[in-house]
PDB file of N, CA and C in Angstrom:
ATOM      1  N   MET A   1      54.206  35.303 -32.910  1.00  0.00           N
ATOM      2  CA  MET A   1      54.878  34.170 -33.472  1.00  0.00           C
ATOM      3  C   MET A   1      56.343  34.146 -33.082  1.00  0.00           C
ATOM      4  N   GLY A   2      56.928  35.290 -32.884  1.00  0.00           N
ATOM      5  CA  GLY A   2      58.352  35.315 -32.588  1.00  0.00           C
ATOM      6  C   GLY A   2      59.176  35.281 -33.864  1.00  0.00           C
ATOM      7  N   THR A   3      60.425  34.901 -33.725  1.00  0.00           N
ATOM      8  CA  THR A   3      61.332  34.839 -34.864  1.00  0.00           C
ATOM      9  C   THR A   3      61.063  33.567 -35.668  1.00  0.00           C
ATOM     10  N   ILE A   4      60.979  33.706 -36.967  1.00  0.00           N
ATOM     11  CA  ILE A   4      60.788  32.563 -37.869  1.00  0.00           C
ATOM     12  C   ILE A   4      61.976  32.545 -38.822  1.00  0.00           C
ATOM     13  N   VAL A   5      62.669  31.417 -38.888  1.00  0.00           N
ATOM     14  CA  VAL A   5      63.831  31.273 -39.766  1.00  0.00           C
ATOM     15  C   VAL A   5      63.373  30.629 -41.064  1.00  0.00           C
ATOM     16  N   LEU A   6      63.631  31.323 -42.178  1.00  0.00           N
ATOM     17  CA  LEU A   6      63.198  30.855 -43.488  1.00  0.00           C
ATOM     18  C   LEU A   6      64.377  30.740 -44.442  1.00  0.00           C
ATOM     19  N   GLY A   7      64.265  29.804 -45.368  1.00  0.00           N
ATOM     20  CA  GLY A   7      65.199  29.754 -46.483  1.00  0.00           C
ATOM     21  C   GLY A   7      64.708  30.718 -47.543  1.00  0.00           C
ATOM     22  N   TYR A   8      65.602  31.166 -48.399  1.00  0.00           N
ATOM     23  CA  TYR A   8      65.246  32.160 -49.412  1.00  0.00           C
ATOM     24  C   TYR A   8      65.933  31.837 -50.720  1.00  0.00           C
ATOM     25  N   GLN A   9      65.176  31.996 -51.804  1.00  0.00           N
ATOM     26  CA  GLN A   9      65.752  31.855 -53.135  1.00  0.00           C
ATOM     27  C   GLN A   9      65.182  32.955 -54.013  1.00  0.00           C
ATOM     28  N   SER A  10      66.040  33.579 -54.808  1.00  0.00           N
ATOM     29  CA  SER A  10      65.635  34.629 -55.722  1.00  0.00           C
ATOM     30  C   SER A  10      65.781  34.108 -57.146  1.00  0.00           C
ATOM     31  N   LEU A  11      64.705  34.197 -57.905  1.00  0.00           N
ATOM     32  CA  LEU A  11      64.698  33.670 -59.274  1.00  0.00           C
ATOM     33  C   LEU A  11      64.437  34.796 -60.266  1.00  0.00           C
ATOM     34  N   GLN A  12      65.183  34.808 -61.337  1.00  0.00           N
ATOM     35  CA  GLN A  12      64.965  35.799 -62.386  1.00  0.00           C
ATOM     36  C   GLN A  12      63.718  35.409 -63.171  1.00  0.00           C
ATOM     37  N   VAL A  13      62.863  36.405 -63.455  1.00  0.00           N
ATOM     38  CA  VAL A  13      61.648  36.176 -64.231  1.00  0.00           C
ATOM     39  C   VAL A  13      62.013  36.303 -65.699  1.00  0.00           C
ATOM     40  N   GLU A  14      61.935  35.194 -66.419  1.00  0.00           N
ATOM     41  CA  GLU A  14      62.315  35.172 -67.829  1.00  0.00           C
ATOM     42  C   GLU A  14      61.421  36.103 -68.641  1.00  0.00           C
ATOM     43  N   GLY A  15      62.031  36.897 -69.494  1.00  0.00           N
ATOM     44  CA  GLY A  15      61.294  37.819 -70.355  1.00  0.00           C
ATOM     45  C   GLY A  15      60.895  39.116 -69.670  1.00  0.00           C
ATOM     46  N   SER A  16      61.323  39.304 -68.430  1.00  0.00           N
ATOM     47  CA  SER A  16      61.002  40.524 -67.687  1.00  0.00           C
ATOM     48  C   SER A  16      62.293  41.099 -67.117  1.00  0.00           C
ATOM     49  N   ALA A  17      62.896  41.974 -67.885  1.00  0.00           N
ATOM     50  CA  ALA A  17      64.189  42.545 -67.499  1.00  0.00           C
ATOM     51  C   ALA A  17      64.131  43.179 -66.114  1.00  0.00           C
ATOM     52  N   GLY A  18      65.030  42.740 -65.249  1.00  0.00           N
ATOM     53  CA  GLY A  18      65.153  43.340 -63.934  1.00  0.00           C
ATOM     54  C   GLY A  18      64.174  42.836 -62.884  1.00  0.00           C
ATOM     55  N   GLN A  19      63.223  41.994 -63.255  1.00  0.00           N
ATOM     56  CA  GLN A  19      62.266  41.491 -62.271  1.00  0.00           C
ATOM     57  C   GLN A  19      62.733  40.154 -61.715  1.00  0.00           C
ATOM     58  N   ARG A  20      62.502  39.963 -60.409  1.00  0.00           N
ATOM     59  CA  ARG A  20      62.881  38.723 -59.746  1.00  0.00           C
ATOM     60  C   ARG A  20      61.726  38.259 -58.874  1.00  0.00           C
ATOM     61  N   LEU A  21      61.665  36.973 -58.649  1.00  0.00           N
ATOM     62  CA  LEU A  21      60.663  36.367 -57.787  1.00  0.00           C
ATOM     63  C   LEU A  21      61.375  35.840 -56.550  1.00  0.00           C
ATOM     64  N   GLY A  22      60.937  36.283 -55.374  1.00  0.00           N
ATOM     65  CA  GLY A  22      61.528  35.817 -54.122  1.00  0.00           C
ATOM     66  C   GLY A  22      60.668  34.703 -53.546  1.00  0.00           C
ATOM     67  N   VAL A  23      61.295  33.592 -53.175  1.00  0.00           N
ATOM     68  CA  VAL A  23      60.587  32.447 -52.613  1.00  0.00           C
ATOM     69  C   VAL A  23      61.159  32.178 -51.219  1.00  0.00           C
ATOM     70  N   PHE A  24      60.291  32.191 -50.231  1.00  0.00           N
ATOM     71  CA  PHE A  24      60.683  31.917 -48.851  1.00  0.00           C
ATOM     72  C   PHE A  24      60.088  30.584 -48.440  1.00  0.00           C
ATOM     73  N   THR A  25      60.887  29.729 -47.786  1.00  0.00           N
ATOM     74  CA  THR A  25      60.407  28.413 -47.375  1.00  0.00           C
ATOM     75  C   THR A  25      60.847  28.104 -45.948  1.00  0.00           C
ATOM     76  N   ALA A  26      60.073  27.250 -45.298  1.00  0.00           N
ATOM     77  CA  ALA A  26      60.433  26.733 -43.981  1.00  0.00           C
ATOM     78  C   ALA A  26      60.461  25.214 -44.090  1.00  0.00           C
ATOM     79  N   GLU A  27      61.400  24.593 -43.430  1.00  0.00           N
ATOM     80  CA  GLU A  27      61.566  23.137 -43.465  1.00  0.00           C
ATOM     81  C   GLU A  27      60.376  22.466 -42.776  1.00  0.00           C
ATOM     82  N   PRO A  28      59.637  21.580 -43.495  1.00  0.00           N
ATOM     83  CA  PRO A  28      58.498  20.883 -42.882  1.00  0.00           C
ATOM     84  C   PRO A  28      58.907  20.155 -41.600  1.00  0.00           C
ATOM     85  N   GLY A  29      58.018  20.193 -40.624  1.00  0.00           N
ATOM     86  CA  GLY A  29      58.268  19.525 -39.353  1.00  0.00           C
ATOM     87  C   GLY A  29      58.993  20.378 -38.325  1.00  0.00           C
ATOM     88  N   THR A  30      59.419  21.578 -38.714  1.00  0.00           N
ATOM     89  CA  THR A  30      60.124  22.464 -37.779  1.00  0.00           C
ATOM     90  C   THR A  30      59.135  23.438 -37.135  1.00  0.00           C
ATOM     91  N   PRO A  31      59.507  24.016 -36.013  1.00  0.00           N
ATOM     92  CA  PRO A  31      58.653  25.052 -35.413  1.00  0.00           C
ATOM     93  C   PRO A  31      58.420  26.230 -36.363  1.00  0.00           C
ATOM     94  N   ASP A  32      59.412  26.526 -37.205  1.00  0.00           N
ATOM     95  CA  ASP A  32      59.259  27.612 -38.187  1.00  0.00           C
ATOM     96  C   ASP A  32      58.143  27.283 -39.169  1.00  0.00           C
ATOM     97  N   TYR A  33      58.098  26.048 -39.630  1.00  0.00           N
ATOM     98  CA  TYR A  33      57.058  25.600 -40.566  1.00  0.00           C
ATOM     99  C   TYR A  33      55.687  25.698 -39.899  1.00  0.00           C
ATOM    100  N   GLU A  34      55.589  25.213 -38.668  1.00  0.00           N
ATOM    101  CA  GLU A  34      54.309  25.255 -37.946  1.00  0.00           C
ATOM    102  C   GLU A  34      53.835  26.686 -37.755  1.00  0.00           C
ATOM    103  N   ALA A  35      54.759  27.612 -37.491  1.00  0.00           N
ATOM    104  CA  ALA A  35      54.389  29.019 -37.349  1.00  0.00           C
ATOM    105  C   ALA A  35      53.837  29.566 -38.656  1.00  0.00           C
ATOM    106  N   ILE A  36      54.432  29.186 -39.787  1.00  0.00           N
ATOM    107  CA  ILE A  36      53.935  29.624 -41.095  1.00  0.00           C
ATOM    108  C   ILE A  36      52.544  29.062 -41.350  1.00  0.00           C
ATOM    109  N   VAL A  37      52.305  27.815 -40.964  1.00  0.00           N
ATOM    110  CA  VAL A  37      50.974  27.205 -41.127  1.00  0.00           C
ATOM    111  C   VAL A  37      49.938  27.988 -40.323  1.00  0.00           C
ATOM    112  N   VAL A  38      50.284  28.354 -39.095  1.00  0.00           N
ATOM    113  CA  VAL A  38      49.365  29.140 -38.261  1.00  0.00           C
ATOM    114  C   VAL A  38      49.098  30.499 -38.903  1.00  0.00           C
ATOM    115  N   LEU A  39      50.154  31.166 -39.359  1.00  0.00           N
ATOM    116  CA  LEU A  39      49.983  32.472 -40.005  1.00  0.00           C
ATOM    117  C   LEU A  39      49.141  32.355 -41.263  1.00  0.00           C
ATOM    118  N   ASP A  40      49.340  31.295 -42.035  1.00  0.00           N
ATOM    119  CA  ASP A  40      48.553  31.079 -43.244  1.00  0.00           C
ATOM    120  C   ASP A  40      47.076  30.914 -42.895  1.00  0.00           C
ATOM    121  N   GLY A  41      46.801  30.204 -41.822  1.00  0.00           N
ATOM    122  CA  GLY A  41      45.420  30.015 -41.396  1.00  0.00           C
ATOM    123  C   GLY A  41      44.764  31.305 -40.955  1.00  0.00           C
ATOM    124  N   MET A  42      45.573  32.246 -40.484  1.00  0.00           N
ATOM    125  CA  MET A  42      45.053  33.536 -40.046  1.00  0.00           C
ATOM    126  C   MET A  42      44.882  34.509 -41.207  1.00  0.00           C
ATOM    127  N   ALA A  43      45.525  34.244 -42.323  1.00  0.00           N
ATOM    128  CA  ALA A  43      45.478  35.158 -43.478  1.00  0.00           C
ATOM    129  C   ALA A  43      44.037  35.335 -43.938  1.00  0.00           C
ATOM    130  N   GLY A  44      43.638  36.543 -44.143  1.00  0.00           N
ATOM    131  CA  GLY A  44      42.298  36.827 -44.641  1.00  0.00           C
ATOM    132  C   GLY A  44      41.264  36.986 -43.542  1.00  0.00           C
ATOM    133  N   GLN A  45      41.510  36.433 -42.372  1.00  0.00           N
ATOM    134  CA  GLN A  45      40.522  36.535 -41.303  1.00  0.00           C
ATOM    135  C   GLN A  45      40.320  37.979 -40.872  1.00  0.00           C
ATOM    136  N   ASP A  46      41.414  38.714 -40.707  1.00  0.00           N
ATOM    137  CA  ASP A  46      41.312  40.105 -40.281  1.00  0.00           C
ATOM    138  C   ASP A  46      40.710  40.981 -41.370  1.00  0.00           C
ATOM    139  N   ALA A  47      40.943  40.613 -42.627  1.00  0.00           N
ATOM    140  CA  ALA A  47      40.470  41.429 -43.739  1.00  0.00           C
ATOM    141  C   ALA A  47      39.054  41.045 -44.168  1.00  0.00           C
ATOM    142  N   GLY A  48      38.470  40.052 -43.515  1.00  0.00           N
ATOM    143  CA  GLY A  48      37.121  39.637 -43.873  1.00  0.00           C
ATOM    144  C   GLY A  48      37.058  38.787 -45.112  1.00  0.00           C
ATOM    145  N   HIS A  49      38.187  38.252 -45.558  1.00  0.00           N
ATOM    146  CA  HIS A  49      38.228  37.381 -46.727  1.00  0.00           C
ATOM    147  C   HIS A  49      38.254  35.939 -46.296  1.00  0.00           C
ATOM    148  N   PRO A  50      37.624  35.047 -47.068  1.00  0.00           N
ATOM    149  CA  PRO A  50      37.684  33.623 -46.719  1.00  0.00           C
ATOM    150  C   PRO A  50      39.092  33.084 -46.889  1.00  0.00           C
ATOM    151  N   VAL A  51      39.446  32.110 -46.078  1.00  0.00           N
ATOM    152  CA  VAL A  51      40.737  31.447 -46.185  1.00  0.00           C
ATOM    153  C   VAL A  51      40.607  30.320 -47.186  1.00  0.00           C
ATOM    154  N   VAL A  52      41.482  30.268 -48.164  1.00  0.00           N
ATOM    155  CA  VAL A  52      41.453  29.245 -49.209  1.00  0.00           C
ATOM    156  C   VAL A  52      42.390  28.127 -48.813  1.00  0.00           C
ATOM    157  N   ASP A  53      41.894  26.887 -48.868  1.00  0.00           N
ATOM    158  CA  ASP A  53      42.727  25.710 -48.564  1.00  0.00           C
ATOM    159  C   ASP A  53      43.366  25.255 -49.856  1.00  0.00           C
ATOM    160  N   ALA A  54      44.664  25.539 -50.003  1.00  0.00           N
ATOM    161  CA  ALA A  54      45.370  25.201 -51.245  1.00  0.00           C
ATOM    162  C   ALA A  54      45.761  23.744 -51.303  1.00  0.00           C
ATOM    163  N   THR A  55      45.509  22.972 -50.238  1.00  0.00           N
ATOM    164  CA  THR A  55      45.899  21.561 -50.231  1.00  0.00           C
ATOM    165  C   THR A  55      44.843  20.663 -50.821  1.00  0.00           C
ATOM    166  N   SER A  56      43.652  21.171 -51.118  1.00  0.00           N
ATOM    167  CA  SER A  56      42.611  20.304 -51.689  1.00  0.00           C
ATOM    168  C   SER A  56      42.360  20.571 -53.142  1.00  0.00           C
TER     169      SER A  56
END
């Protein structure tokens, strides 16, 4: 895939002292976004797990 540039946001988890949630995003329509879509489609294939389509 090469280098993928992502945005990042760290959110504090309410009620969980010291825990944070990291969210990484790619701008839709960019090559970075398309690379993430390809990687998402590959997720689970190597591990023998079905790929879940979260868009439906």
